[in-house]
């Protein structure tokens, strides 16, 4: 199985995005940081 990891800068960006969204909608921000890695995990199987 192919693995993946987010670059530290991407992790920092994701934290900033969470902070921005959570100011208006905490549930939406939490969904984003849960669903985005799950989506990437699904795409890793198909790198091309």
N, C-alpha and C. Protein backbone atom coordinates (compact mmCIF):
# COMPACT_ATOMS: atom_id res chain seq x y z
N UNK A 1 0.84 -1.19 0.00
CA UNK A 1 0.00 0.00 0.00
C UNK A 1 0.87 1.24 0.00
N UNK A 2 0.48 2.21 -0.77
CA UNK A 2 1.18 3.49 -0.86
C UNK A 2 0.72 4.37 0.30
N UNK A 3 1.67 4.99 0.98
CA UNK A 3 1.33 5.88 2.07
C UNK A 3 1.41 7.33 1.64
N UNK A 4 1.06 8.19 2.52
CA UNK A 4 1.15 9.62 2.27
C UNK A 4 1.28 10.35 3.59
N UNK A 5 1.73 11.57 3.50
CA UNK A 5 1.76 12.45 4.66
C UNK A 5 1.70 13.87 4.13
N UNK A 6 1.08 14.74 4.87
CA UNK A 6 1.01 16.14 4.48
C UNK A 6 2.33 16.84 4.79
N UNK A 7 2.76 17.68 3.90
CA UNK A 7 3.94 18.51 4.13
C UNK A 7 3.63 19.42 5.32
N UNK A 8 4.64 19.75 6.15
CA UNK A 8 4.39 20.63 7.30
C UNK A 8 3.71 21.95 6.93
N UNK A 9 4.07 22.52 5.78
CA UNK A 9 3.42 23.77 5.36
C UNK A 9 1.94 23.54 5.04
N UNK A 10 1.62 22.38 4.47
CA UNK A 10 0.23 22.05 4.18
C UNK A 10 -0.56 21.87 5.48
N UNK A 11 0.07 21.25 6.46
CA UNK A 11 -0.58 21.09 7.78
C UNK A 11 -0.86 22.45 8.40
N UNK A 12 0.11 23.36 8.29
CA UNK A 12 -0.08 24.71 8.84
C UNK A 12 -1.21 25.43 8.11
N UNK A 13 -1.26 25.26 6.78
CA UNK A 13 -2.35 25.86 6.00
C UNK A 13 -3.70 25.30 6.44
N UNK A 14 -3.76 24.00 6.65
CA UNK A 14 -5.01 23.38 7.08
C UNK A 14 -5.45 23.92 8.44
N UNK A 15 -4.50 24.13 9.33
CA UNK A 15 -4.82 24.73 10.64
C UNK A 15 -5.38 26.14 10.47
N UNK A 16 -4.77 26.91 9.58
CA UNK A 16 -5.26 28.28 9.34
C UNK A 16 -6.65 28.27 8.72
N UNK A 17 -6.87 27.35 7.79
CA UNK A 17 -8.20 27.23 7.18
C UNK A 17 -9.23 26.85 8.23
N UNK A 18 -8.86 25.91 9.11
CA UNK A 18 -9.78 25.52 10.18
C UNK A 18 -10.14 26.72 11.06
N UNK A 19 -9.13 27.51 11.42
CA UNK A 19 -9.37 28.68 12.27
C UNK A 19 -10.30 29.68 11.58
N UNK A 20 -10.08 29.90 10.29
CA UNK A 20 -10.90 30.84 9.54
C UNK A 20 -12.35 30.38 9.48
N UNK A 21 -12.56 29.11 9.12
CA UNK A 21 -13.92 28.59 9.00
C UNK A 21 -14.60 28.49 10.35
N UNK A 22 -13.85 28.08 11.37
CA UNK A 22 -14.45 27.88 12.69
C UNK A 22 -14.98 29.17 13.31
N UNK A 23 -14.47 30.31 12.85
CA UNK A 23 -14.99 31.58 13.35
C UNK A 23 -16.48 31.72 13.03
N UNK A 24 -16.92 31.13 11.91
CA UNK A 24 -18.32 31.19 11.52
C UNK A 24 -19.08 29.91 11.79
N UNK A 25 -18.38 28.76 11.67
CA UNK A 25 -19.10 27.49 11.75
C UNK A 25 -18.14 26.39 12.21
N UNK A 26 -18.14 26.13 13.49
CA UNK A 26 -17.24 25.15 14.08
C UNK A 26 -17.47 23.75 13.51
N UNK A 27 -18.72 23.37 13.31
CA UNK A 27 -19.01 22.03 12.76
C UNK A 27 -18.44 21.87 11.35
N UNK A 28 -18.57 22.90 10.52
CA UNK A 28 -18.04 22.83 9.17
C UNK A 28 -16.52 22.73 9.18
N UNK A 29 -15.88 23.46 10.06
CA UNK A 29 -14.42 23.41 10.17
C UNK A 29 -13.97 22.01 10.59
N UNK A 30 -14.66 21.44 11.55
CA UNK A 30 -14.32 20.09 12.00
C UNK A 30 -14.53 19.05 10.89
N UNK A 31 -15.61 19.22 10.13
CA UNK A 31 -15.86 18.29 9.01
C UNK A 31 -14.75 18.38 7.97
N UNK A 32 -14.30 19.59 7.70
CA UNK A 32 -13.24 19.77 6.71
C UNK A 32 -11.98 19.02 7.11
N UNK A 33 -11.53 19.18 8.35
CA UNK A 33 -10.28 18.53 8.76
C UNK A 33 -10.45 17.03 8.95
N UNK A 34 -11.68 16.55 8.99
CA UNK A 34 -11.93 15.11 9.04
C UNK A 34 -12.04 14.54 7.62
N UNK A 35 -12.78 15.22 6.77
CA UNK A 35 -13.07 14.69 5.44
C UNK A 35 -11.92 14.88 4.45
N UNK A 36 -11.16 15.94 4.57
CA UNK A 36 -10.07 16.16 3.62
C UNK A 36 -9.04 15.04 3.67
N UNK A 37 -8.51 14.67 4.84
CA UNK A 37 -7.57 13.54 4.86
C UNK A 37 -8.19 12.23 4.36
N UNK A 38 -9.46 12.02 4.65
CA UNK A 38 -10.14 10.81 4.17
C UNK A 38 -10.22 10.81 2.64
N UNK A 39 -10.47 11.96 2.06
CA UNK A 39 -10.53 12.08 0.61
C UNK A 39 -9.16 11.84 -0.01
N UNK A 40 -8.13 12.43 0.58
CA UNK A 40 -6.76 12.23 0.08
C UNK A 40 -6.39 10.75 0.18
N UNK A 41 -6.74 10.12 1.28
CA UNK A 41 -6.44 8.70 1.47
C UNK A 41 -7.07 7.88 0.33
N UNK A 42 -8.26 8.26 -0.08
CA UNK A 42 -8.91 7.56 -1.18
C UNK A 42 -8.22 7.80 -2.51
N UNK A 43 -7.64 8.98 -2.69
CA UNK A 43 -6.96 9.32 -3.95
C UNK A 43 -5.58 8.69 -4.04
N UNK A 44 -4.96 8.38 -2.92
CA UNK A 44 -3.62 7.81 -2.91
C UNK A 44 -3.56 6.51 -3.70
N UNK A 45 -4.63 5.79 -3.69
CA UNK A 45 -4.69 4.51 -4.44
C UNK A 45 -4.58 4.72 -5.95
N UNK A 46 -4.88 5.91 -6.40
CA UNK A 46 -4.90 6.21 -7.83
C UNK A 46 -4.02 7.44 -8.13
N UNK A 47 -2.70 7.30 -8.01
CA UNK A 47 -1.81 8.46 -8.11
C UNK A 47 -1.80 9.14 -9.48
N UNK A 48 -2.21 8.45 -10.50
CA UNK A 48 -2.19 9.08 -11.83
C UNK A 48 -3.56 9.54 -12.24
